[in-house]
Amino acid sequence: MNTVRRPRILVAVLSAVVSMVAIGCGVPTTSSSRPIDPNAIPGQFTETTAATTTTSSTTTTVVEPPPSTTTTTLPVEEVQLYFVSGSRLVPISRLLLSPASAPQVLAALSEGIPDIDEAAGLRSALPPALVVDVAVERGVATVDLDPAFTLIVTGPEQRLAVAQIVLTLTRRAGIGQIVFSSDSEPIAVPRGRGDLTGPGELVACDDYDNLLPGGFSC
């Protein structure tokens, strides 16, 4: 009898212990469901998460080609202009538009000495605007001077001024001789040695050779 009752008592004790443990651990003893009070739910479980959509934008930079630059090279040529150094005439080089005509060359001569050459002691005996016109025909250049030329330019200065014109023009291809006029009337001009020509008499580079420095010749 004692042997049969002990196991029953032991089972009863174990059942009581399990029930106490379940109650202490908070395990519900009923299978029925109950609604949850919203106020009892922690805030982190009720927060609404906003979905963020990132839009990737692509910027396209259009590189335009630089405007085309057209470079125009004007043709030029070197000419020799004669200016006064002491009592002599020396040539300096100038670049003029090509082909340089006789009027262009005499206009450049009449402009006077460039600053850099003036500093070197060169000067001009030919005042500006006293050469009115020049025409070339069959190797002869006819230079028409302002009537004021013989009044403004006198003595040795007139000889140097005429020499500047003759030496400069006869350095041009196609011009071998010069004749001077004023108001289209032939006039006399001094040669390099000081003697006068007859009105309308032709002169050439050789007539002013004595005014060139050593080492220079026509």
N, C-alpha and C. Protein backbone atom coordinates (compact mmCIF):
# COMPACT_ATOMS: atom_id res chain seq x y z
N MET A 1 0.83 -1.20 0.00
CA MET A 1 0.00 0.00 0.00
C MET A 1 0.85 1.23 0.00
N ASN A 2 1.83 1.29 0.78
CA ASN A 2 2.71 2.46 0.86
C ASN A 2 3.40 2.72 -0.47
N THR A 3 3.68 1.60 -1.15
CA THR A 3 4.42 1.76 -2.44
C THR A 3 3.56 2.43 -3.48
N VAL A 4 2.24 2.19 -3.52
CA VAL A 4 1.37 2.78 -4.54
C VAL A 4 1.07 4.22 -4.26
N ARG A 5 0.98 4.69 -3.07
CA ARG A 5 0.59 6.05 -2.74
C ARG A 5 1.73 7.02 -2.94
N ARG A 6 2.93 6.62 -2.79
CA ARG A 6 4.05 7.57 -2.92
C ARG A 6 4.16 8.17 -4.32
N PRO A 7 4.03 7.34 -5.36
CA PRO A 7 4.11 7.97 -6.68
C PRO A 7 3.00 8.96 -6.92
N ARG A 8 1.81 8.71 -6.48
CA ARG A 8 0.70 9.66 -6.68
C ARG A 8 0.96 10.97 -5.96
N ILE A 9 1.49 10.84 -4.76
CA ILE A 9 1.80 12.07 -4.00
C ILE A 9 2.89 12.86 -4.74
N LEU A 10 3.89 12.18 -5.30
CA LEU A 10 5.00 12.85 -6.01
C LEU A 10 4.50 13.56 -7.26
N VAL A 11 3.57 12.92 -7.96
CA VAL A 11 3.01 13.56 -9.18
C VAL A 11 2.24 14.81 -8.81
N ALA A 12 1.50 14.75 -7.77
CA ALA A 12 0.73 15.91 -7.34
C ALA A 12 1.62 17.06 -6.98
N VAL A 13 2.71 16.76 -6.28
CA VAL A 13 3.66 17.81 -5.88
C VAL A 13 4.27 18.45 -7.11
N LEU A 14 4.69 17.66 -8.08
CA LEU A 14 5.34 18.19 -9.30
C LEU A 14 4.36 19.07 -10.08
N SER A 15 3.10 18.67 -10.13
CA SER A 15 2.10 19.48 -10.83
C SER A 15 1.92 20.82 -10.19
N ALA A 16 1.94 20.83 -8.87
CA ALA A 16 1.82 22.12 -8.16
C ALA A 16 2.99 23.01 -8.43
N VAL A 17 4.19 22.41 -8.47
CA VAL A 17 5.40 23.23 -8.71
C VAL A 17 5.36 23.84 -10.10
N VAL A 18 4.99 23.06 -11.11
CA VAL A 18 4.92 23.58 -12.49
C VAL A 18 3.93 24.71 -12.59
N SER A 19 2.80 24.58 -11.94
CA SER A 19 1.78 25.65 -11.99
C SER A 19 2.30 26.91 -11.37
N MET A 20 3.03 26.81 -10.29
CA MET A 20 3.58 28.02 -9.63
C MET A 20 4.60 28.69 -10.51
N VAL A 21 5.45 27.86 -11.14
CA VAL A 21 6.48 28.46 -12.03
C VAL A 21 5.82 29.19 -13.18
N ALA A 22 4.78 28.59 -13.76
CA ALA A 22 4.10 29.23 -14.90
C ALA A 22 3.48 30.53 -14.50
N ILE A 23 2.88 30.58 -13.34
CA ILE A 23 2.27 31.84 -12.87
C ILE A 23 3.33 32.88 -12.63
N GLY A 24 4.46 32.47 -12.05
CA GLY A 24 5.54 33.43 -11.75
C GLY A 24 6.16 33.97 -13.00
N CYS A 25 6.23 33.20 -14.06
CA CYS A 25 6.85 33.66 -15.32
C CYS A 25 5.87 34.44 -16.16
N GLY A 26 4.67 34.60 -15.77
CA GLY A 26 3.72 35.42 -16.53
C GLY A 26 3.14 34.69 -17.70
N VAL A 27 3.22 33.39 -17.79
CA VAL A 27 2.63 32.66 -18.91
C VAL A 27 1.15 32.62 -18.71
N PRO A 28 0.36 33.07 -19.69
CA PRO A 28 -1.08 33.12 -19.50
C PRO A 28 -1.63 31.71 -19.34
N THR A 29 -2.61 31.60 -18.47
CA THR A 29 -3.21 30.29 -18.20
C THR A 29 -4.48 30.09 -18.97
N THR A 30 -4.81 31.05 -19.84
CA THR A 30 -6.02 30.92 -20.65
C THR A 30 -5.66 31.07 -22.11
N SER A 31 -6.36 30.41 -22.96
CA SER A 31 -6.07 30.47 -24.39
C SER A 31 -6.88 31.52 -25.10
N SER A 32 -7.77 32.21 -24.41
CA SER A 32 -8.59 33.25 -25.06
C SER A 32 -7.78 34.49 -25.28
N SER A 33 -8.00 35.29 -26.43
CA SER A 33 -7.25 36.52 -26.76
C SER A 33 -7.98 37.74 -26.25
N ARG A 34 -7.20 38.77 -25.88
CA ARG A 34 -7.76 40.02 -25.39
C ARG A 34 -7.20 41.18 -26.20
N PRO A 35 -7.99 42.21 -26.46
CA PRO A 35 -7.46 43.38 -27.20
C PRO A 35 -6.41 44.13 -26.39
N ILE A 36 -5.41 44.74 -27.11
CA ILE A 36 -4.31 45.47 -26.46
C ILE A 36 -4.64 46.95 -26.45
N ASP A 37 -4.47 47.51 -25.29
CA ASP A 37 -4.71 48.96 -25.15
C ASP A 37 -3.64 49.71 -25.92
N PRO A 38 -4.01 50.57 -26.90
CA PRO A 38 -2.99 51.30 -27.68
C PRO A 38 -2.11 52.17 -26.81
N ASN A 39 -2.64 52.71 -25.73
CA ASN A 39 -1.83 53.58 -24.87
C ASN A 39 -0.75 52.81 -24.14
N ALA A 40 -0.90 51.47 -24.12
CA ALA A 40 0.09 50.66 -23.41
C ALA A 40 1.23 50.24 -24.32
N ILE A 41 1.13 50.57 -25.63
CA ILE A 41 2.19 50.18 -26.58
C ILE A 41 3.28 51.24 -26.57
N PRO A 42 4.54 50.87 -26.41
CA PRO A 42 5.66 51.84 -26.42
C PRO A 42 5.66 52.65 -27.70
N GLY A 43 6.12 53.90 -27.57
CA GLY A 43 6.08 54.83 -28.70
C GLY A 43 6.90 54.39 -29.88
N GLN A 44 8.07 53.74 -29.65
CA GLN A 44 8.92 53.37 -30.77
C GLN A 44 8.28 52.37 -31.70
N PHE A 45 7.20 51.69 -31.19
CA PHE A 45 6.51 50.72 -32.05
C PHE A 45 5.36 51.35 -32.81
N THR A 46 4.98 52.57 -32.44
CA THR A 46 3.85 53.23 -33.11
C THR A 46 4.29 54.34 -34.04
N GLU A 47 5.60 54.70 -34.08
CA GLU A 47 6.09 55.78 -34.95
C GLU A 47 5.95 55.36 -36.41
N THR A 48 5.58 56.34 -37.24
CA THR A 48 5.42 56.09 -38.67
C THR A 48 6.72 56.42 -39.38
N THR A 49 7.23 55.49 -40.11
CA THR A 49 8.48 55.69 -40.85
C THR A 49 8.15 56.18 -42.24
N ALA A 50 8.66 57.38 -42.58
CA ALA A 50 8.41 57.96 -43.92
C ALA A 50 9.43 57.43 -44.89
N ALA A 51 8.96 56.95 -45.96
CA ALA A 51 9.87 56.42 -46.98
C ALA A 51 10.47 57.60 -47.76
N THR A 52 11.76 57.62 -47.87
CA THR A 52 12.46 58.70 -48.57
C THR A 52 12.89 58.21 -49.93
N THR A 53 12.48 58.93 -50.92
CA THR A 53 12.85 58.57 -52.29
C THR A 53 13.89 59.55 -52.79
N THR A 54 15.03 59.07 -53.17
CA THR A 54 16.11 59.91 -53.68
C THR A 54 16.10 59.88 -55.19
N THR A 55 15.95 61.06 -55.75
CA THR A 55 15.94 61.16 -57.22
C THR A 55 17.31 61.62 -57.69
N SER A 56 17.90 60.83 -58.49
CA SER A 56 19.23 61.16 -59.01
C SER A 56 19.07 61.99 -60.28
N SER A 57 19.61 63.20 -60.21
CA SER A 57 19.51 64.07 -61.39
C SER A 57 20.86 64.11 -62.09
N THR A 58 20.83 64.08 -63.39
CA THR A 58 22.06 64.11 -64.18
C THR A 58 22.13 65.43 -64.94
N THR A 59 23.21 66.18 -64.74
CA THR A 59 23.41 67.46 -65.43
C THR A 59 24.33 67.24 -66.62
N THR A 60 23.85 67.61 -67.79
CA THR A 60 24.65 67.45 -69.00
C THR A 60 25.19 68.81 -69.41
N THR A 61 26.50 68.92 -69.48
CA THR A 61 27.14 70.17 -69.89
C THR A 61 27.49 70.09 -71.37
N VAL A 62 26.96 71.04 -72.12
CA VAL A 62 27.23 71.08 -73.55
C VAL A 62 28.38 72.03 -73.79
N VAL A 63 29.47 71.53 -74.31
CA VAL A 63 30.64 72.35 -74.59
C VAL A 63 30.59 72.76 -76.05
N GLU A 64 30.46 74.08 -76.27
CA GLU A 64 30.39 74.57 -77.63
C GLU A 64 31.80 74.87 -78.13
N PRO A 65 32.10 74.56 -79.37
CA PRO A 65 33.43 74.84 -79.90
C PRO A 65 33.66 76.34 -80.00
N PRO A 66 34.90 76.80 -79.78
CA PRO A 66 35.18 78.24 -79.89
C PRO A 66 34.94 78.73 -81.30
N PRO A 67 34.56 80.01 -81.42
CA PRO A 67 34.33 80.54 -82.77
C PRO A 67 35.60 80.50 -83.59
N SER A 68 35.44 80.17 -84.82
CA SER A 68 36.61 80.08 -85.69
C SER A 68 37.18 81.46 -85.95
N THR A 69 38.50 81.56 -85.95
CA THR A 69 39.19 82.82 -86.17
C THR A 69 39.88 82.76 -87.52
N THR A 70 39.56 83.73 -88.33
CA THR A 70 40.18 83.79 -89.64
C THR A 70 41.30 84.81 -89.61
N THR A 71 42.48 84.35 -89.89
CA THR A 71 43.65 85.23 -89.89
C THR A 71 44.00 85.58 -91.32
N THR A 72 44.00 86.87 -91.59
CA THR A 72 44.35 87.34 -92.93
C THR A 72 45.73 87.98 -92.88
N THR A 73 46.63 87.47 -93.65
CA THR A 73 47.98 88.02 -93.71
C THR A 73 48.09 88.93 -94.92
N LEU A 74 48.33 90.21 -94.66
CA LEU A 74 48.45 91.17 -95.75
C LEU A 74 49.86 91.11 -96.32
N PRO A 75 49.98 91.13 -97.63
CA PRO A 75 51.32 91.11 -98.23
C PRO A 75 52.04 92.43 -98.03
N VAL A 76 53.28 92.37 -97.63
CA VAL A 76 54.09 93.58 -97.44
C VAL A 76 55.41 93.41 -98.16
N GLU A 77 56.07 94.52 -98.35
CA GLU A 77 57.41 94.49 -98.95
C GLU A 77 58.28 95.55 -98.29
N GLU A 78 59.57 95.30 -98.36
CA GLU A 78 60.53 96.22 -97.75
C GLU A 78 60.94 97.28 -98.76
N VAL A 79 60.90 98.54 -98.33
CA VAL A 79 61.34 99.63 -99.20
C VAL A 79 62.44 100.40 -98.49
N GLN A 80 63.27 101.06 -99.29
CA GLN A 80 64.37 101.86 -98.76
C GLN A 80 64.01 103.34 -98.87
N LEU A 81 64.00 104.01 -97.72
CA LEU A 81 63.74 105.45 -97.67
C LEU A 81 65.02 106.14 -97.23
N TYR A 82 65.33 107.26 -97.90
CA TYR A 82 66.59 107.96 -97.60
C TYR A 82 66.33 109.17 -96.71
N PHE A 83 67.14 109.26 -95.64
CA PHE A 83 67.06 110.38 -94.71
C PHE A 83 68.46 110.95 -94.48
N VAL A 84 68.47 112.13 -93.85
CA VAL A 84 69.72 112.89 -93.70
C VAL A 84 70.43 112.51 -92.42
N SER A 85 71.73 112.26 -92.56
CA SER A 85 72.61 112.05 -91.41
C SER A 85 73.81 112.97 -91.58
N GLY A 86 73.79 114.09 -90.85
CA GLY A 86 74.84 115.09 -91.07
C GLY A 86 74.64 115.74 -92.43
N SER A 87 75.64 115.59 -93.32
CA SER A 87 75.52 116.11 -94.69
C SER A 87 75.38 114.98 -95.70
N ARG A 88 75.10 113.79 -95.21
CA ARG A 88 74.95 112.61 -96.07
C ARG A 88 73.54 112.06 -96.01
N LEU A 89 73.23 111.16 -96.94
CA LEU A 89 71.93 110.50 -96.95
C LEU A 89 72.14 109.00 -96.76
N VAL A 90 71.38 108.43 -95.85
CA VAL A 90 71.47 106.99 -95.56
C VAL A 90 70.09 106.37 -95.67
N PRO A 91 70.03 105.11 -96.10
CA PRO A 91 68.72 104.46 -96.24
C PRO A 91 68.29 103.76 -94.96
N ILE A 92 67.01 103.76 -94.71
CA ILE A 92 66.42 102.92 -93.66
C ILE A 92 65.30 102.11 -94.30
N SER A 93 65.00 100.99 -93.70
CA SER A 93 63.99 100.09 -94.27
C SER A 93 62.63 100.33 -93.62
N ARG A 94 61.60 100.31 -94.46
CA ARG A 94 60.22 100.37 -93.98
C ARG A 94 59.42 99.30 -94.69
N LEU A 95 58.41 98.75 -93.99
CA LEU A 95 57.52 97.78 -94.60
C LEU A 95 56.25 98.49 -95.04
N LEU A 96 55.92 98.33 -96.32
CA LEU A 96 54.69 98.90 -96.89
C LEU A 96 53.88 97.78 -97.53
N LEU A 97 52.59 98.03 -97.67
CA LEU A 97 51.73 97.06 -98.34
C LEU A 97 52.22 96.82 -99.76
N SER A 98 52.25 95.57 -100.14
CA SER A 98 52.74 95.20 -101.46
C SER A 98 51.57 95.04 -102.43
N PRO A 99 51.75 95.48 -103.69
CA PRO A 99 52.94 96.14 -104.23
C PRO A 99 52.95 97.62 -103.87
N ALA A 100 54.09 98.13 -103.42
CA ALA A 100 54.20 99.53 -103.00
C ALA A 100 54.37 100.40 -104.24
N SER A 101 53.43 101.30 -104.44
CA SER A 101 53.47 102.21 -105.58
C SER A 101 54.35 103.41 -105.26
N ALA A 102 54.70 104.17 -106.31
CA ALA A 102 55.51 105.38 -106.12
C ALA A 102 54.84 106.38 -105.18
N PRO A 103 53.50 106.64 -105.31
CA PRO A 103 52.86 107.55 -104.36
C PRO A 103 52.94 107.05 -102.92
N GLN A 104 52.79 105.72 -102.71
CA GLN A 104 52.90 105.16 -101.36
C GLN A 104 54.29 105.41 -100.78
N VAL A 105 55.30 105.18 -101.59
CA VAL A 105 56.68 105.32 -101.13
C VAL A 105 56.98 106.77 -100.77
N LEU A 106 56.57 107.72 -101.63
CA LEU A 106 56.83 109.14 -101.33
C LEU A 106 56.00 109.61 -100.15
N ALA A 107 54.80 109.05 -99.95
CA ALA A 107 53.99 109.41 -98.78
C ALA A 107 54.70 108.95 -97.51
N ALA A 108 55.28 107.76 -97.54
CA ALA A 108 56.03 107.26 -96.37
C ALA A 108 57.25 108.12 -96.11
N LEU A 109 57.92 108.58 -97.19
CA LEU A 109 59.08 109.45 -97.03
C LEU A 109 58.66 110.79 -96.43
N SER A 110 57.52 111.33 -96.88
CA SER A 110 57.06 112.63 -96.40
C SER A 110 56.60 112.58 -94.94
N GLU A 111 56.23 111.38 -94.45
CA GLU A 111 55.82 111.26 -93.05
C GLU A 111 56.95 111.59 -92.09
N GLY A 112 58.17 111.53 -92.58
CA GLY A 112 59.30 111.86 -91.72
C GLY A 112 59.95 110.63 -91.11
N ILE A 113 60.90 110.92 -90.26
CA ILE A 113 61.71 109.86 -89.68
C ILE A 113 60.98 109.16 -88.54
N PRO A 114 61.02 107.84 -88.46
CA PRO A 114 60.45 107.14 -87.30
C PRO A 114 61.20 107.53 -86.02
N ASP A 115 60.51 107.47 -84.89
CA ASP A 115 61.08 107.91 -83.61
C ASP A 115 62.40 107.22 -83.31
N ILE A 116 62.47 105.91 -83.56
CA ILE A 116 63.68 105.17 -83.20
C ILE A 116 64.88 105.66 -84.02
N ASP A 117 64.64 106.04 -85.29
CA ASP A 117 65.74 106.52 -86.13
C ASP A 117 66.06 107.99 -85.85
N GLU A 118 65.06 108.74 -85.40
CA GLU A 118 65.31 110.13 -85.01
C GLU A 118 66.26 110.17 -83.80
N ALA A 119 66.07 109.21 -82.90
CA ALA A 119 66.94 109.13 -81.73
C ALA A 119 68.37 108.78 -82.14
N ALA A 120 68.53 108.15 -83.29
CA ALA A 120 69.86 107.79 -83.78
C ALA A 120 70.52 108.94 -84.52
N GLY A 121 69.86 110.09 -84.59
CA GLY A 121 70.46 111.27 -85.22
C GLY A 121 70.05 111.50 -86.66
N LEU A 122 69.08 110.74 -87.16
CA LEU A 122 68.63 110.96 -88.54
C LEU A 122 67.53 112.02 -88.55
N ARG A 123 67.37 112.69 -89.69
CA ARG A 123 66.32 113.69 -89.84
C ARG A 123 65.90 113.75 -91.30
N SER A 124 64.87 114.55 -91.59
CA SER A 124 64.41 114.72 -92.96
C SER A 124 64.47 116.19 -93.35
N ALA A 125 64.97 116.45 -94.56
CA ALA A 125 64.98 117.82 -95.09
C ALA A 125 63.71 118.11 -95.88
N LEU A 126 62.85 117.11 -96.06
CA LEU A 126 61.63 117.25 -96.84
C LEU A 126 60.45 117.45 -95.92
N PRO A 127 59.87 118.67 -95.90
CA PRO A 127 58.70 118.91 -95.05
C PRO A 127 57.50 118.09 -95.53
N PRO A 128 56.59 117.75 -94.64
CA PRO A 128 55.40 116.98 -95.03
C PRO A 128 54.51 117.77 -96.00
N ALA A 129 53.81 117.03 -96.84
CA ALA A 129 52.75 117.56 -97.72
C ALA A 129 53.25 118.46 -98.84
N LEU A 130 54.55 118.49 -99.10
CA LEU A 130 55.03 119.32 -100.20
C LEU A 130 55.14 118.55 -101.51
N VAL A 131 55.04 117.23 -101.45
CA VAL A 131 54.97 116.43 -102.67
C VAL A 131 53.49 116.26 -103.01
N VAL A 132 53.08 116.85 -104.12
CA VAL A 132 51.67 116.85 -104.49
C VAL A 132 51.29 115.56 -105.21
N ASP A 133 52.11 115.13 -106.15
CA ASP A 133 51.76 113.97 -106.96
C ASP A 133 53.02 113.36 -107.56
N VAL A 134 52.89 112.09 -107.97
CA VAL A 134 53.98 111.41 -108.69
C VAL A 134 53.34 110.42 -109.65
N ALA A 135 53.86 110.40 -110.87
CA ALA A 135 53.37 109.48 -111.89
C ALA A 135 54.57 108.87 -112.58
N VAL A 136 54.47 107.58 -112.89
CA VAL A 136 55.58 106.85 -113.51
C VAL A 136 55.16 106.42 -114.90
N GLU A 137 56.03 106.71 -115.88
CA GLU A 137 55.77 106.29 -117.26
C GLU A 137 57.10 105.98 -117.94
N ARG A 138 57.22 104.77 -118.44
CA ARG A 138 58.40 104.33 -119.18
C ARG A 138 59.68 104.57 -118.41
N GLY A 139 59.64 104.24 -117.11
CA GLY A 139 60.85 104.33 -116.29
C GLY A 139 61.16 105.72 -115.77
N VAL A 140 60.32 106.71 -116.08
CA VAL A 140 60.54 108.08 -115.62
C VAL A 140 59.42 108.46 -114.65
N ALA A 141 59.82 108.92 -113.48
CA ALA A 141 58.84 109.38 -112.48
C ALA A 141 58.78 110.90 -112.53
N THR A 142 57.57 111.43 -112.72
CA THR A 142 57.36 112.87 -112.71
C THR A 142 56.83 113.25 -111.33
N VAL A 143 57.61 114.06 -110.60
CA VAL A 143 57.25 114.46 -109.24
C VAL A 143 56.77 115.90 -109.27
N ASP A 144 55.52 116.10 -108.88
CA ASP A 144 54.96 117.45 -108.86
C ASP A 144 55.02 117.99 -107.44
N LEU A 145 55.73 119.13 -107.26
CA LEU A 145 55.93 119.72 -105.94
C LEU A 145 54.98 120.90 -105.74
N ASP A 146 54.65 121.13 -104.47
CA ASP A 146 53.86 122.30 -104.11
C ASP A 146 54.69 123.56 -104.41
N PRO A 147 54.05 124.64 -104.95
CA PRO A 147 54.80 125.88 -105.23
C PRO A 147 55.55 126.42 -104.01
N ALA A 148 55.07 126.07 -102.80
CA ALA A 148 55.74 126.56 -101.59
C ALA A 148 57.08 125.87 -101.36
N PHE A 149 57.38 124.81 -102.11
CA PHE A 149 58.60 124.06 -101.87
C PHE A 149 59.85 124.95 -101.97
N THR A 150 59.93 125.72 -103.04
CA THR A 150 61.13 126.54 -103.23
C THR A 150 61.21 127.71 -102.25
N LEU A 151 60.08 128.04 -101.60
CA LEU A 151 60.08 129.11 -100.62
C LEU A 151 60.42 128.59 -99.22
N ILE A 152 59.94 127.39 -98.91
CA ILE A 152 60.15 126.82 -97.58
C ILE A 152 61.50 126.13 -97.48
N VAL A 153 61.88 125.44 -98.53
CA VAL A 153 63.12 124.66 -98.51
C VAL A 153 64.13 125.40 -99.39
N THR A 154 65.17 125.92 -98.76
CA THR A 154 66.14 126.73 -99.51
C THR A 154 67.56 126.26 -99.23
N GLY A 155 68.49 126.76 -100.11
CA GLY A 155 69.92 126.50 -99.90
C GLY A 155 70.25 125.02 -99.90
N PRO A 156 71.20 124.62 -99.02
CA PRO A 156 71.61 123.21 -98.96
C PRO A 156 70.47 122.26 -98.60
N GLU A 157 69.47 122.75 -97.84
CA GLU A 157 68.34 121.88 -97.47
C GLU A 157 67.53 121.47 -98.71
N GLN A 158 67.43 122.36 -99.70
CA GLN A 158 66.70 122.01 -100.91
C GLN A 158 67.43 120.90 -101.67
N ARG A 159 68.73 120.99 -101.71
CA ARG A 159 69.53 119.95 -102.39
C ARG A 159 69.33 118.60 -101.69
N LEU A 160 69.34 118.59 -100.34
CA LEU A 160 69.16 117.34 -99.59
C LEU A 160 67.74 116.79 -99.78
N ALA A 161 66.74 117.67 -99.80
CA ALA A 161 65.36 117.22 -99.95
C ALA A 161 65.14 116.58 -101.32
N VAL A 162 65.67 117.22 -102.37
CA VAL A 162 65.56 116.65 -103.71
C VAL A 162 66.30 115.32 -103.79
N ALA A 163 67.46 115.25 -103.14
CA ALA A 163 68.24 114.01 -103.14
C ALA A 163 67.47 112.89 -102.44
N GLN A 164 66.77 113.20 -101.36
CA GLN A 164 65.95 112.19 -100.68
C GLN A 164 64.93 111.59 -101.64
N ILE A 165 64.27 112.46 -102.42
CA ILE A 165 63.25 111.98 -103.35
C ILE A 165 63.87 111.12 -104.46
N VAL A 166 64.96 111.63 -105.04
CA VAL A 166 65.57 110.92 -106.18
C VAL A 166 66.13 109.57 -105.75
N LEU A 167 66.89 109.54 -104.65
CA LEU A 167 67.49 108.29 -104.22
C LEU A 167 66.44 107.26 -103.79
N THR A 168 65.37 107.74 -103.15
CA THR A 168 64.31 106.82 -102.72
C THR A 168 63.58 106.22 -103.91
N LEU A 169 63.19 107.06 -104.89
CA LEU A 169 62.42 106.55 -106.03
C LEU A 169 63.25 105.68 -106.96
N THR A 170 64.51 106.03 -107.17
CA THR A 170 65.32 105.22 -108.10
C THR A 170 65.74 103.88 -107.49
N ARG A 171 65.43 103.65 -106.23
CA ARG A 171 65.62 102.33 -105.63
C ARG A 171 64.45 101.39 -105.96
N ARG A 172 63.40 101.96 -106.54
CA ARG A 172 62.24 101.16 -106.90
C ARG A 172 62.43 100.56 -108.30
N ALA A 173 62.02 99.32 -108.44
CA ALA A 173 62.12 98.67 -109.75
C ALA A 173 61.24 99.41 -110.76
N GLY A 174 61.78 99.63 -111.93
CA GLY A 174 61.01 100.29 -112.99
C GLY A 174 61.16 101.79 -113.02
N ILE A 175 61.93 102.37 -112.09
CA ILE A 175 62.15 103.83 -112.08
C ILE A 175 63.66 104.07 -112.19
N GLY A 176 64.06 104.76 -113.25
CA GLY A 176 65.48 105.04 -113.45
C GLY A 176 65.81 106.52 -113.44
N GLN A 177 64.82 107.37 -113.76
CA GLN A 177 65.07 108.80 -113.83
C GLN A 177 63.87 109.56 -113.24
N ILE A 178 64.18 110.83 -112.84
CA ILE A 178 63.16 111.68 -112.20
C ILE A 178 63.14 113.02 -112.92
N VAL A 179 61.94 113.59 -113.06
CA VAL A 179 61.79 114.95 -113.53
C VAL A 179 60.84 115.66 -112.57
N PHE A 180 61.15 116.96 -112.27
CA PHE A 180 60.35 117.71 -111.29
C PHE A 180 59.52 118.77 -111.97
N SER A 181 58.35 119.00 -111.36
CA SER A 181 57.45 120.04 -111.84
C SER A 181 56.76 120.68 -110.64
N SER A 182 56.08 121.83 -110.91
CA SER A 182 55.27 122.49 -109.90
C SER A 182 54.07 123.09 -110.61
N ASP A 183 52.88 122.76 -110.12
CA ASP A 183 51.65 123.12 -110.83
C ASP A 183 51.71 122.62 -112.27
N SER A 184 52.29 121.43 -112.41
CA SER A 184 52.42 120.75 -113.71
C SER A 184 53.34 121.46 -114.69
N GLU A 185 54.10 122.44 -114.20
CA GLU A 185 55.08 123.13 -115.04
C GLU A 185 56.49 122.68 -114.66
N PRO A 186 57.34 122.36 -115.65
CA PRO A 186 58.70 121.89 -115.35
C PRO A 186 59.49 122.94 -114.55
N ILE A 187 60.28 122.45 -113.58
CA ILE A 187 61.11 123.35 -112.77
C ILE A 187 62.54 122.81 -112.72
N ALA A 188 63.45 123.69 -112.33
CA ALA A 188 64.85 123.32 -112.15
C ALA A 188 65.07 122.93 -110.69
N VAL A 189 65.95 121.95 -110.48
CA VAL A 189 66.28 121.51 -109.11
C VAL A 189 67.79 121.37 -108.98
N PRO A 190 68.32 121.49 -107.74
CA PRO A 190 69.76 121.34 -107.56
C PRO A 190 70.19 119.87 -107.64
N ARG A 191 71.36 119.65 -108.22
CA ARG A 191 71.97 118.34 -108.20
C ARG A 191 72.77 118.18 -106.90
N GLY A 192 73.38 117.02 -106.76
CA GLY A 192 74.12 116.73 -105.53
C GLY A 192 75.31 117.64 -105.29
N ARG A 193 75.91 118.16 -106.34
CA ARG A 193 77.08 119.02 -106.19
C ARG A 193 76.69 120.50 -106.14
N GLY A 194 75.39 120.76 -106.16
CA GLY A 194 74.92 122.12 -105.97
C GLY A 194 74.50 122.83 -107.23
N ASP A 195 74.89 122.35 -108.42
CA ASP A 195 74.51 123.00 -109.66
C ASP A 195 73.06 122.68 -110.00
N LEU A 196 72.42 123.59 -110.72
CA LEU A 196 71.00 123.42 -111.06
C LEU A 196 70.84 122.73 -112.41
N THR A 197 69.76 121.98 -112.49
CA THR A 197 69.38 121.40 -113.78
C THR A 197 68.62 122.45 -114.58
N GLY A 198 68.36 122.17 -115.82
CA GLY A 198 67.45 123.00 -116.60
C GLY A 198 66.02 122.61 -116.22
N PRO A 199 65.04 123.51 -116.40
CA PRO A 199 63.64 123.17 -116.11
C PRO A 199 63.21 121.90 -116.86
N GLY A 200 62.74 120.92 -116.13
CA GLY A 200 62.28 119.67 -116.74
C GLY A 200 63.39 118.73 -117.12
N GLU A 201 64.64 119.01 -116.73
CA GLU A 201 65.75 118.11 -117.08
C GLU A 201 65.73 116.88 -116.17
N LEU A 202 66.01 115.73 -116.75
CA LEU A 202 65.98 114.48 -116.01
C LEU A 202 67.19 114.37 -115.09
N VAL A 203 66.99 113.80 -113.91
CA VAL A 203 68.08 113.50 -112.98
C VAL A 203 67.97 112.02 -112.60
N ALA A 204 69.10 111.47 -112.14
CA ALA A 204 69.14 110.06 -111.75
C ALA A 204 69.94 109.92 -110.46
N CYS A 205 70.08 108.69 -110.01
CA CYS A 205 70.80 108.42 -108.77
C CYS A 205 72.24 108.93 -108.84
N ASP A 206 72.88 108.77 -110.02
CA ASP A 206 74.28 109.19 -110.16
C ASP A 206 74.47 110.67 -109.89
N ASP A 207 73.44 111.48 -110.10
CA ASP A 207 73.56 112.92 -109.86
C ASP A 207 73.68 113.25 -108.37
N TYR A 208 73.42 112.30 -107.49
CA TYR A 208 73.46 112.53 -106.05
C TYR A 208 74.36 111.50 -105.35
N ASP A 209 75.18 110.84 -106.14
CA ASP A 209 76.07 109.81 -105.61
C ASP A 209 77.03 110.36 -104.56
N ASN A 210 77.42 111.63 -104.71
CA ASN A 210 78.39 112.25 -103.80
C ASN A 210 77.80 112.47 -102.39
N LEU A 211 76.48 112.37 -102.26
CA LEU A 211 75.85 112.57 -100.96
C LEU A 211 75.71 111.26 -100.18
N LEU A 212 76.08 110.16 -100.79
CA LEU A 212 76.02 108.87 -100.10
C LEU A 212 77.27 108.66 -99.26
N PRO A 213 77.16 108.03 -98.10
CA PRO A 213 78.34 107.75 -97.29
C PRO A 213 79.21 106.68 -97.93
N GLY A 214 80.44 106.57 -97.44
CA GLY A 214 81.35 105.56 -97.96
C GLY A 214 80.76 104.17 -97.87
N GLY A 215 80.95 103.40 -98.93
CA GLY A 215 80.39 102.05 -98.94
C GLY A 215 79.04 101.98 -99.60
N PHE A 216 78.42 103.13 -99.85
CA PHE A 216 77.12 103.16 -100.55
C PHE A 216 77.33 103.71 -101.95
N SER A 217 76.60 103.17 -102.89
CA SER A 217 76.68 103.66 -104.25
C SER A 217 75.34 103.41 -104.94
N CYS A 218 75.16 104.04 -106.09
CA CYS A 218 73.93 103.85 -106.86
C CYS A 218 73.94 102.51 -107.57
